[in-house]
């Protein structure tokens, strides 16, 4: 999360695959707090990366079931 935040703060965009892997990992762990923070961090660059809004919503739903 800190690496992603650093990238975004310096104007760099992560790859779609890296963000998707992070989303899935957080969902599998049931980490709702970090998923929400990730959703907020990606708000402005989500379309540039190619991340669907439903991906994050589904990950949050999965995290709820894992918890």
C-alpha atoms as a PDB file:
ATOM      1  CA  UNK A   1       0.000   0.000   0.000  1.00  0.00           C
ATOM      2  CA  UNK A   2       2.796   2.426   0.848  1.00  0.00           C
ATOM      3  CA  UNK A   3       4.584   1.720  -2.441  1.00  0.00           C
ATOM      4  CA  UNK A   4       1.360   2.325  -4.364  1.00  0.00           C
ATOM      5  CA  UNK A   5       0.732   5.558  -2.480  1.00  0.00           C
ATOM      6  CA  UNK A   6       4.287   6.697  -3.219  1.00  0.00           C
ATOM      7  CA  UNK A   7       3.843   5.932  -6.902  1.00  0.00           C
ATOM      8  CA  UNK A   8       0.573   7.827  -7.112  1.00  0.00           C
ATOM      9  CA  UNK A   9       2.004  10.777  -5.181  1.00  0.00           C
ATOM     10  CA  UNK A  10       4.909  11.033  -7.637  1.00  0.00           C
ATOM     11  CA  UNK A  11       2.584  10.887 -10.639  1.00  0.00           C
ATOM     12  CA  UNK A  12       3.322   7.319 -11.719  1.00  0.00           C
ATOM     13  CA  UNK A  13       0.585   4.842 -12.548  1.00  0.00           C
ATOM     14  CA  UNK A  14       0.797   1.208 -11.460  1.00  0.00           C
ATOM     15  CA  UNK A  15      -0.108  -1.564 -13.872  1.00  0.00           C
ATOM     16  CA  UNK A  16      -3.626  -2.934 -13.924  1.00  0.00           C
ATOM     17  CA  UNK A  17      -2.302  -6.376 -13.023  1.00  0.00           C
ATOM     18  CA  UNK A  18      -0.485  -5.078  -9.935  1.00  0.00           C
ATOM     19  CA  UNK A  19      -3.543  -3.239  -8.661  1.00  0.00           C
ATOM     20  CA  UNK A  20      -5.795  -6.219  -9.369  1.00  0.00           C
ATOM     21  CA  UNK A  21      -3.431  -8.532  -7.466  1.00  0.00           C
ATOM     22  CA  UNK A  22      -3.395  -6.147  -4.509  1.00  0.00           C
ATOM     23  CA  UNK A  23      -7.194  -5.906  -4.521  1.00  0.00           C
ATOM     24  CA  UNK A  24      -7.581  -9.686  -4.585  1.00  0.00           C
ATOM     25  CA  UNK A  25      -5.017 -10.185  -1.822  1.00  0.00           C
ATOM     26  CA  UNK A  26      -6.716  -7.678   0.463  1.00  0.00           C
ATOM     27  CA  UNK A  27     -10.117  -9.229  -0.261  1.00  0.00           C
ATOM     28  CA  UNK A  28      -8.867 -12.734   0.532  1.00  0.00           C
ATOM     29  CA  UNK A  29      -7.463 -11.474   3.835  1.00  0.00           C
ATOM     30  CA  UNK A  30     -10.749  -9.758   4.650  1.00  0.00           C
ATOM     31  CA  UNK A  31      -8.986  -6.406   5.067  1.00  0.00           C
ATOM     32  CA  UNK A  32     -11.890  -3.993   4.640  1.00  0.00           C
ATOM     33  CA  UNK A  33      -9.998  -1.003   5.998  1.00  0.00           C
ATOM     34  CA  UNK A  34      -7.199  -1.265   3.441  1.00  0.00           C
ATOM     35  CA  UNK A  35      -9.643  -2.005   0.614  1.00  0.00           C
ATOM     36  CA  UNK A  36     -11.525   1.186   1.424  1.00  0.00           C
ATOM     37  CA  UNK A  37      -8.249   3.125   1.550  1.00  0.00           C
ATOM     38  CA  UNK A  38      -7.240   1.608  -1.783  1.00  0.00           C
ATOM     39  CA  UNK A  39     -10.584   2.556  -3.294  1.00  0.00           C
ATOM     40  CA  UNK A  40     -10.044   6.153  -2.177  1.00  0.00           C
ATOM     41  CA  UNK A  41      -6.462   6.236  -3.485  1.00  0.00           C
ATOM     42  CA  UNK A  42      -7.505   4.955  -6.906  1.00  0.00           C
ATOM     43  CA  UNK A  43     -10.552   7.198  -7.283  1.00  0.00           C
ATOM     44  CA  UNK A  44      -8.910   9.635  -9.709  1.00  0.00           C
ATOM     45  CA  UNK A  45      -6.795   7.151 -11.691  1.00  0.00           C
ATOM     46  CA  UNK A  46      -9.123   4.143 -11.808  1.00  0.00           C
ATOM     47  CA  UNK A  47     -10.172   4.674 -15.432  1.00  0.00           C
ATOM     48  CA  UNK A  48      -6.589   5.396 -16.539  1.00  0.00           C
ATOM     49  CA  UNK A  49      -5.463   2.068 -15.101  1.00  0.00           C
ATOM     50  CA  UNK A  50      -8.494   0.229 -16.449  1.00  0.00           C
ATOM     51  CA  UNK A  51      -9.955  -0.937 -13.154  1.00  0.00           C
ATOM     52  CA  UNK A  52     -13.688  -1.521 -13.143  1.00  0.00           C
ATOM     53  CA  UNK A  53     -15.664  -0.054 -10.233  1.00  0.00           C
ATOM     54  CA  UNK A  54     -17.314  -3.428  -9.803  1.00  0.00           C
ATOM     55  CA  UNK A  55     -13.930  -5.064  -9.150  1.00  0.00           C
ATOM     56  CA  UNK A  56     -13.457  -3.081  -5.963  1.00  0.00           C
ATOM     57  CA  UNK A  57     -17.104  -3.482  -4.965  1.00  0.00           C
ATOM     58  CA  UNK A  58     -16.880  -7.246  -5.430  1.00  0.00           C
ATOM     59  CA  UNK A  59     -13.619  -7.349  -3.486  1.00  0.00           C
ATOM     60  CA  UNK A  60     -15.265  -5.512  -0.591  1.00  0.00           C
ATOM     61  CA  UNK A  61     -18.146  -7.995  -0.658  1.00  0.00           C
ATOM     62  CA  UNK A  62     -15.675 -10.891  -0.628  1.00  0.00           C
ATOM     63  CA  UNK A  63     -13.773  -9.318   2.262  1.00  0.00           C
ATOM     64  CA  UNK A  64     -17.008  -9.144   4.253  1.00  0.00           C
ATOM     65  CA  UNK A  65     -17.595 -12.863   3.713  1.00  0.00           C
ATOM     66  CA  UNK A  66     -13.985 -13.693   4.648  1.00  0.00           C
ATOM     67  CA  UNK A  67     -14.285 -11.751   7.859  1.00  0.00           C
END
